[in-house]
Each structure stands twice: as structure tokens, then as C-alpha cells.
C-alpha atoms as a PDB file:
ATOM      1  CA  MET A   1      16.888  -7.578 -11.708  1.00  0.00           C
ATOM      2  CA  GLU A   2      18.435  -8.067 -15.157  1.00  0.00           C
ATOM      3  CA  PRO A   3      22.246  -8.397 -15.261  1.00  0.00           C
ATOM      4  CA  LEU A   4      22.537  -5.074 -17.098  1.00  0.00           C
ATOM      5  CA  LEU A   5      20.201  -2.096 -16.922  1.00  0.00           C
ATOM      6  CA  PRO A   6      18.984  -0.405 -20.102  1.00  0.00           C
ATOM      7  CA  THR A   7      21.187   2.572 -20.952  1.00  0.00           C
ATOM      8  CA  ASN A   8      18.297   5.014 -20.546  1.00  0.00           C
ATOM      9  CA  THR A   9      17.519   3.903 -16.975  1.00  0.00           C
ATOM     10  CA  ALA A  10      17.270   7.120 -14.943  1.00  0.00           C
ATOM     11  CA  LEU A  11      18.561   7.595 -11.410  1.00  0.00           C
ATOM     12  CA  LEU A  12      15.889   9.561  -9.539  1.00  0.00           C
ATOM     13  CA  ILE A  13      17.364  11.241  -6.443  1.00  0.00           C
ATOM     14  CA  ILE A  14      14.566  12.292  -4.105  1.00  0.00           C
ATOM     15  CA  ASP A  15      14.878  15.076  -1.520  1.00  0.00           C
ATOM     16  CA  VAL A  16      18.506  14.616  -0.482  1.00  0.00           C
ATOM     17  CA  GLN A  17      18.442  18.031   1.172  1.00  0.00           C
ATOM     18  CA  GLN A  18      20.218  19.666   4.095  1.00  0.00           C
ATOM     19  CA  GLY A  19      17.031  20.361   6.030  1.00  0.00           C
ATOM     20  CA  LEU A  20      16.504  16.652   6.605  1.00  0.00           C
ATOM     21  CA  ASP A  21      19.459  16.766   9.012  1.00  0.00           C
ATOM     22  CA  ALA A  22      17.440  19.017  11.348  1.00  0.00           C
ATOM     23  CA  PRO A  23      17.011  17.587  14.876  1.00  0.00           C
ATOM     24  CA  GLN A  24      13.229  17.997  14.711  1.00  0.00           C
ATOM     25  CA  TRP A  25      12.878  14.905  12.538  1.00  0.00           C
ATOM     26  CA  GLY A  26      14.167  12.628  15.303  1.00  0.00           C
ATOM     27  CA  LYS A  27      16.162   9.425  15.057  1.00  0.00           C
ATOM     28  CA  ARG A  28      17.014   8.098  11.592  1.00  0.00           C
ATOM     29  CA  ASN A  29      18.026   4.712  10.250  1.00  0.00           C
ATOM     30  CA  ASN A  30      20.653   3.861   7.629  1.00  0.00           C
ATOM     31  CA  PRO A  31      23.379   6.478   8.138  1.00  0.00           C
ATOM     32  CA  ASP A  32      25.078   5.115   4.992  1.00  0.00           C
ATOM     33  CA  ALA A  33      22.247   6.173   2.672  1.00  0.00           C
ATOM     34  CA  GLU A  34      23.978   9.325   1.408  1.00  0.00           C
ATOM     35  CA  ALA A  35      27.245   7.493   0.786  1.00  0.00           C
ATOM     36  CA  ASN A  36      25.424   4.866  -1.261  1.00  0.00           C
ATOM     37  CA  ILE A  37      23.551   7.558  -3.166  1.00  0.00           C
ATOM     38  CA  ALA A  38      26.883   9.230  -3.949  1.00  0.00           C
ATOM     39  CA  ARG A  39      28.288   5.916  -5.255  1.00  0.00           C
ATOM     40  CA  LEU A  40      25.321   5.413  -7.539  1.00  0.00           C
ATOM     41  CA  LEU A  41      25.397   9.009  -8.695  1.00  0.00           C
ATOM     42  CA  GLN A  42      29.063   8.709  -9.642  1.00  0.00           C
ATOM     43  CA  ALA A  43      28.369   5.446 -11.491  1.00  0.00           C
ATOM     44  CA  TRP A  44      25.465   6.974 -13.428  1.00  0.00           C
ATOM     45  CA  ARG A  45      27.526   9.996 -14.401  1.00  0.00           C
ATOM     46  CA  LYS A  46      30.485   7.906 -15.527  1.00  0.00           C
ATOM     47  CA  ALA A  47      28.191   5.691 -17.579  1.00  0.00           C
ATOM     48  CA  ARG A  48      26.523   8.824 -18.994  1.00  0.00           C
ATOM     49  CA  ARG A  49      23.071   7.683 -17.956  1.00  0.00           C
ATOM     50  CA  PRO A  50      20.253  10.077 -17.045  1.00  0.00           C
ATOM     51  CA  VAL A  51      20.236  11.599 -13.554  1.00  0.00           C
ATOM     52  CA  ILE A  52      17.173  13.464 -12.261  1.00  0.00           C
ATOM     53  CA  HIS A  53      16.977  15.455  -9.020  1.00  0.00           C
ATOM     54  CA  ILE A  54      13.817  16.004  -6.986  1.00  0.00           C
ATOM     55  CA  GLN A  55      13.750  18.937  -4.561  1.00  0.00           C
ATOM     56  CA  HIS A  56      11.081  19.348  -1.913  1.00  0.00           C
ATOM     57  CA  CYS A  57      10.047  22.998  -1.509  1.00  0.00           C
ATOM     58  CA  SER A  58       7.752  22.881   1.487  1.00  0.00           C
ATOM     59  CA  VAL A  59       4.799  25.199   1.984  1.00  0.00           C
ATOM     60  CA  HIS A  60       4.575  24.357   5.697  1.00  0.00           C
ATOM     61  CA  PRO A  61       5.678  27.281   7.893  1.00  0.00           C
ATOM     62  CA  ASP A  62       7.653  25.113  10.339  1.00  0.00           C
ATOM     63  CA  SER A  63       9.542  23.087   7.733  1.00  0.00           C
ATOM     64  CA  PRO A  64      13.308  23.503   7.246  1.00  0.00           C
ATOM     65  CA  LEU A  65      12.661  22.571   3.593  1.00  0.00           C
ATOM     66  CA  ARG A  66      10.966  25.856   2.741  1.00  0.00           C
ATOM     67  CA  PRO A  67      12.585  27.276  -0.431  1.00  0.00           C
ATOM     68  CA  GLU A  68      13.829  30.448   1.255  1.00  0.00           C
ATOM     69  CA  LEU A  69      15.789  28.498   3.898  1.00  0.00           C
ATOM     70  CA  PRO A  70      19.269  26.921   3.643  1.00  0.00           C
ATOM     71  CA  GLY A  71      17.725  23.535   4.447  1.00  0.00           C
ATOM     72  CA  CYS A  72      16.116  23.422   1.025  1.00  0.00           C
ATOM     73  CA  GLU A  73      19.548  23.126  -0.590  1.00  0.00           C
ATOM     74  CA  PHE A  74      20.868  19.765  -1.754  1.00  0.00           C
ATOM     75  CA  LYS A  75      23.360  17.856   0.362  1.00  0.00           C
ATOM     76  CA  ALA A  76      26.931  17.720  -0.910  1.00  0.00           C
ATOM     77  CA  GLU A  77      26.613  14.024  -1.807  1.00  0.00           C
ATOM     78  CA  ALA A  78      23.813  14.742  -4.271  1.00  0.00           C
ATOM     79  CA  LYS A  79      24.450  18.172  -5.742  1.00  0.00           C
ATOM     80  CA  PRO A  80      23.235  18.474  -9.333  1.00  0.00           C
ATOM     81  CA  ILE A  81      25.688  19.352 -12.053  1.00  0.00           C
ATOM     82  CA  GLU A  82      25.014  21.202 -15.282  1.00  0.00           C
ATOM     83  CA  GLY A  83      22.613  19.343 -17.532  1.00  0.00           C
ATOM     84  CA  GLU A  84      20.920  17.327 -14.773  1.00  0.00           C
ATOM     85  CA  PRO A  85      17.262  18.364 -14.491  1.00  0.00           C
ATOM     86  CA  ILE A  86      15.728  19.415 -11.182  1.00  0.00           C
ATOM     87  CA  PHE A  87      12.010  19.032 -10.507  1.00  0.00           C
ATOM     88  CA  LYS A  88      10.624  20.974  -7.558  1.00  0.00           C
ATOM     89  CA  LYS A  89       7.611  19.686  -5.638  1.00  0.00           C
ATOM     90  CA  SER A  90       5.575  20.673  -2.604  1.00  0.00           C
ATOM     91  CA  VAL A  91       3.816  17.339  -1.978  1.00  0.00           C
ATOM     92  CA  ASN A  92       5.094  13.803  -1.446  1.00  0.00           C
ATOM     93  CA  SER A  93       5.011  12.487  -5.003  1.00  0.00           C
ATOM     94  CA  ALA A  94       7.495  13.845  -7.538  1.00  0.00           C
ATOM     95  CA  PHE A  95       4.856  13.314 -10.246  1.00  0.00           C
ATOM     96  CA  ILE A  96       2.328  15.789  -8.792  1.00  0.00           C
ATOM     97  CA  GLY A  97       2.576  19.392  -9.948  1.00  0.00           C
ATOM     98  CA  THR A  98       5.826  18.830 -11.837  1.00  0.00           C
ATOM     99  CA  GLY A  99       6.816  18.073 -15.413  1.00  0.00           C
ATOM    100  CA  LEU A 100       8.506  14.818 -14.445  1.00  0.00           C
ATOM    101  CA  GLU A 101       6.173  12.417 -16.239  1.00  0.00           C
ATOM    102  CA  ALA A 102       6.285  14.452 -19.452  1.00  0.00           C
ATOM    103  CA  PHE A 103      10.081  14.717 -19.261  1.00  0.00           C
ATOM    104  CA  LEU A 104      10.440  10.955 -18.902  1.00  0.00           C
ATOM    105  CA  GLY A 105       8.107  10.334 -21.826  1.00  0.00           C
ATOM    106  CA  ASN A 106       9.801  12.904 -24.049  1.00  0.00           C
ATOM    107  CA  ASN A 107      13.194  11.335 -23.354  1.00  0.00           C
ATOM    108  CA  GLY A 108      12.141   7.723 -23.811  1.00  0.00           C
ATOM    109  CA  ILE A 109      12.866   6.825 -20.196  1.00  0.00           C
ATOM    110  CA  GLU A 110      10.865   3.771 -19.143  1.00  0.00           C
ATOM    111  CA  GLN A 111      12.918   2.521 -16.181  1.00  0.00           C
ATOM    112  CA  LEU A 112      13.672   4.353 -12.933  1.00  0.00           C
ATOM    113  CA  VAL A 113      15.999   3.759  -9.979  1.00  0.00           C
ATOM    114  CA  MET A 114      14.714   5.399  -6.799  1.00  0.00           C
ATOM    115  CA  VAL A 115      16.973   6.668  -4.001  1.00  0.00           C
ATOM    116  CA  GLY A 116      16.593   9.366  -1.364  1.00  0.00           C
ATOM    117  CA  LEU A 117      14.561  10.492   1.613  1.00  0.00           C
ATOM    118  CA  THR A 118      12.330   9.437   3.201  1.00  0.00           C
ATOM    119  CA  THR A 119      11.464   5.792   2.589  1.00  0.00           C
ATOM    120  CA  ASP A 120       7.877   5.978   3.806  1.00  0.00           C
ATOM    121  CA  HIS A 121       6.905   9.433   2.559  1.00  0.00           C
ATOM    122  CA  CYS A 122       8.313  10.946  -0.638  1.00  0.00           C
ATOM    123  CA  VAL A 123      10.236   7.892  -1.825  1.00  0.00           C
ATOM    124  CA  SER A 124       7.237   5.628  -1.268  1.00  0.00           C
ATOM    125  CA  SER A 125       4.729   8.017  -2.844  1.00  0.00           C
ATOM    126  CA  THR A 126       6.893   8.552  -5.917  1.00  0.00           C
ATOM    127  CA  THR A 127       7.620   4.828  -6.253  1.00  0.00           C
ATOM    128  CA  ARG A 128       3.937   3.935  -6.027  1.00  0.00           C
ATOM    129  CA  MET A 129       3.008   6.435  -8.714  1.00  0.00           C
ATOM    130  CA  ALA A 130       5.887   5.352 -10.952  1.00  0.00           C
ATOM    131  CA  GLY A 131       4.694   1.763 -10.765  1.00  0.00           C
ATOM    132  CA  ASN A 132       1.086   2.751 -11.431  1.00  0.00           C
ATOM    133  CA  LEU A 133       2.155   4.880 -14.402  1.00  0.00           C
ATOM    134  CA  GLY A 134       3.853   1.874 -15.969  1.00  0.00           C
ATOM    135  CA  PHE A 135       7.513   2.609 -15.290  1.00  0.00           C
ATOM    136  CA  VAL A 136       9.820  -0.297 -14.489  1.00  0.00           C
ATOM    137  CA  THR A 137      10.919   0.800 -11.041  1.00  0.00           C
ATOM    138  CA  LEU A 138      13.818  -0.261  -8.850  1.00  0.00           C
ATOM    139  CA  LEU A 139      14.024   0.975  -5.249  1.00  0.00           C
ATOM    140  CA  VAL A 140      17.428   0.859  -3.572  1.00  0.00           C
ATOM    141  CA  SER A 141      16.996  -0.389  -0.010  1.00  0.00           C
ATOM    142  CA  ASP A 142      20.318   0.872   1.353  1.00  0.00           C
ATOM    143  CA  ALA A 143      20.185   4.226  -0.466  1.00  0.00           C
ATOM    144  CA  THR A 144      17.019   5.308   1.320  1.00  0.00           C
ATOM    145  CA  ALA A 145      16.263   6.109   4.957  1.00  0.00           C
ATOM    146  CA  THR A 146      13.569   7.410   7.262  1.00  0.00           C
ATOM    147  CA  PHE A 147      12.870   8.509  10.842  1.00  0.00           C
ATOM    148  CA  ASP A 148      11.097   7.181  13.911  1.00  0.00           C
ATOM    149  CA  ARG A 149       7.349   7.738  13.575  1.00  0.00           C
ATOM    150  CA  LYS A 150       4.663   8.114  16.237  1.00  0.00           C
ATOM    151  CA  GLY A 151       1.403   6.325  15.520  1.00  0.00           C
ATOM    152  CA  PRO A 152      -2.066   7.767  16.167  1.00  0.00           C
ATOM    153  CA  ASP A 153      -2.129   5.794  19.429  1.00  0.00           C
ATOM    154  CA  GLY A 154       1.051   7.499  20.588  1.00  0.00           C
ATOM    155  CA  LYS A 155       3.205   4.411  20.092  1.00  0.00           C
ATOM    156  CA  LEU A 156       6.702   5.110  18.742  1.00  0.00           C
ATOM    157  CA  TYR A 157       7.773   2.995  15.784  1.00  0.00           C
ATOM    158  CA  PRO A 158      11.547   2.780  15.192  1.00  0.00           C
ATOM    159  CA  ALA A 159      12.891   4.081  11.886  1.00  0.00           C
ATOM    160  CA  GLU A 160      14.339   0.682  11.020  1.00  0.00           C
ATOM    161  CA  THR A 161      10.899  -0.913  11.379  1.00  0.00           C
ATOM    162  CA  ILE A 162       9.210   1.805   9.325  1.00  0.00           C
ATOM    163  CA  HIS A 163      11.880   1.412   6.631  1.00  0.00           C
ATOM    164  CA  ALA A 164      11.614  -2.381   6.472  1.00  0.00           C
ATOM    165  CA  VAL A 165       7.817  -2.484   6.432  1.00  0.00           C
ATOM    166  CA  HIS A 166       7.580   0.043   3.614  1.00  0.00           C
ATOM    167  CA  LEU A 167      10.146  -1.791   1.523  1.00  0.00           C
ATOM    168  CA  ALA A 168       8.165  -5.008   2.062  1.00  0.00           C
ATOM    169  CA  SER A 169       4.926  -3.279   1.060  1.00  0.00           C
ATOM    170  CA  LEU A 170       6.403  -1.788  -2.109  1.00  0.00           C
ATOM    171  CA  ASN A 171       8.391  -4.798  -3.316  1.00  0.00           C
ATOM    172  CA  ASP A 172       6.802  -6.874  -6.107  1.00  0.00           C
ATOM    173  CA  GLU A 173       3.761  -4.608  -6.180  1.00  0.00           C
ATOM    174  CA  PHE A 174       5.109  -1.199  -7.227  1.00  0.00           C
ATOM    175  CA  CYS A 175       8.805  -1.924  -7.703  1.00  0.00           C
ATOM    176  CA  GLU A 176      11.666  -4.336  -7.244  1.00  0.00           C
ATOM    177  CA  VAL A 177      13.733  -3.646  -4.123  1.00  0.00           C
ATOM    178  CA  VAL A 178      17.462  -3.943  -4.826  1.00  0.00           C
ATOM    179  CA  THR A 179      20.772  -3.005  -3.186  1.00  0.00           C
ATOM    180  CA  THR A 180      23.437  -0.494  -4.121  1.00  0.00           C
ATOM    181  CA  GLU A 181      25.939  -3.271  -4.763  1.00  0.00           C
ATOM    182  CA  ALA A 182      23.608  -5.084  -7.158  1.00  0.00           C
ATOM    183  CA  LEU A 183      23.114  -1.905  -9.149  1.00  0.00           C
ATOM    184  CA  MET A 184      26.826  -1.152  -9.252  1.00  0.00           C
ATOM    185  CA  GLN A 185      27.298  -4.526 -10.920  1.00  0.00           C
ATOM    186  CA  ALA A 186      24.496  -3.772 -13.398  1.00  0.00           C
ATOM    187  CA  VAL A 187      25.905  -0.463 -14.654  1.00  0.00           C
ATOM    188  CA  PRO A 188      29.039  -1.032 -16.729  1.00  0.00           C
ATOM    189  CA  GLN A 189      31.368   1.935 -16.503  1.00  0.00           C
ATOM    190  CA  LYS A 190      32.642   3.772 -19.553  1.00  0.00           C
ATOM    191  CA  HIS A 191      36.321   4.589 -19.340  1.00  0.00           C
ATOM    192  CA  SER A 192      37.538   8.074 -20.130  1.00  0.00           C
ATOM    193  CA  THR A 193      40.969   9.475 -20.790  1.00  0.00           C
ATOM    194  CA  THR A 194      40.126  12.589 -18.761  1.00  0.00           C
ATOM    195  CA  ASP A 195      39.152  13.284 -15.180  1.00  0.00           C
ATOM    196  CA  GLN A 196      36.099  15.253 -16.239  1.00  0.00           C
ATOM    197  CA  ASP A 197      33.551  12.405 -16.068  1.00  0.00           C
END
């Protein structure tokens, strides 16, 4: 990663929604993901860099992420503020069925920082497409998380294993995997005389 990120590097916050706290998802790794996302979000806002929110609006009848349910709402750590665009999707990739790619092109955004849920589903799918579409993509390892997964043979794979394997698969092929701390050092903060940053 370069010492400083281009000023138009966008923070893409994927599916940080209340419904992903539902017990039905099972055991999760990285309980600090939301706190790290909040740190990055604050840094991006203070530096006046672009922030983009992705919201999963599920069409599955059993999902807590259906748009008419409270679970579809954003978590407190990642609530959009006025002026931050929200792209709603119903599949894994934030580029499918949304205006995200056109928005990025129209705003001259060529570099993306990916955070959110879950590492192996929506974060991975969006990261893969971003890389294929030619965006310089950074994926933040400690600002993402996932759940235990059961394989087709019935074997249970721990969330930490799923998380690590997907990061390894994505790194150097679709993105560069980085940490929250590295990014905090790469985003110089603008100082303001007000508390309204």
C-alpha cells in the first residue's frame, strides 16, 4: 500500500446491518469489525473523502435483511449521514442491479477500500468484481467478519478459518489485504475549528 491514499479513494461499507446480529447466522469471528469500521468511517469523514454505503435488501422470505424488517437498518457504527450515497442490492455483489459502477465512474473514483459483512459472501463478491472492473481495491482484514459455515459434506468450518481462507484467496489477485491501522496512517486528517466534521 502507498504511504498516502489518493484523496478520491472511496470507503465502501458493505451490509453493516442490524439483521446480521440475528442468532440464526451462528458463531461469528472478529467482534471488533464494527469498531474498526467506525474508526475508518470517522477518518474518511474528517478527511472529507467519499463514503459509500451498501445495503442488502433481501428477497428471501426467511431473511432478517428483508427491507420491511428492522434488521435491514444500518448498525449505529455505520449509519449514513446526509450526502453519503446508499446503494441497495438484493444479491451478493454491490455492482449487480445498482448504479454503483456508474457513480464511481462519474465521480472519478478509481480506488476503493472495502469493509463490512460478510467476508466470504458480499464482501468477497464485491471485491472480486471491483478488481475485475479495474478498480484499485483494498480489503481491510480486521474490518470484515463472517460466520461458521457448513460444507456440503456436513462438516462445520469455523468462521475464523472461512475468513482467513477468503482473505488469502482475494489478496494479490483481486485486491490488496490491509489492516485498519495501516489505513489510518495513510489518511491524513484535516483539522477543523468546529465539531461538525
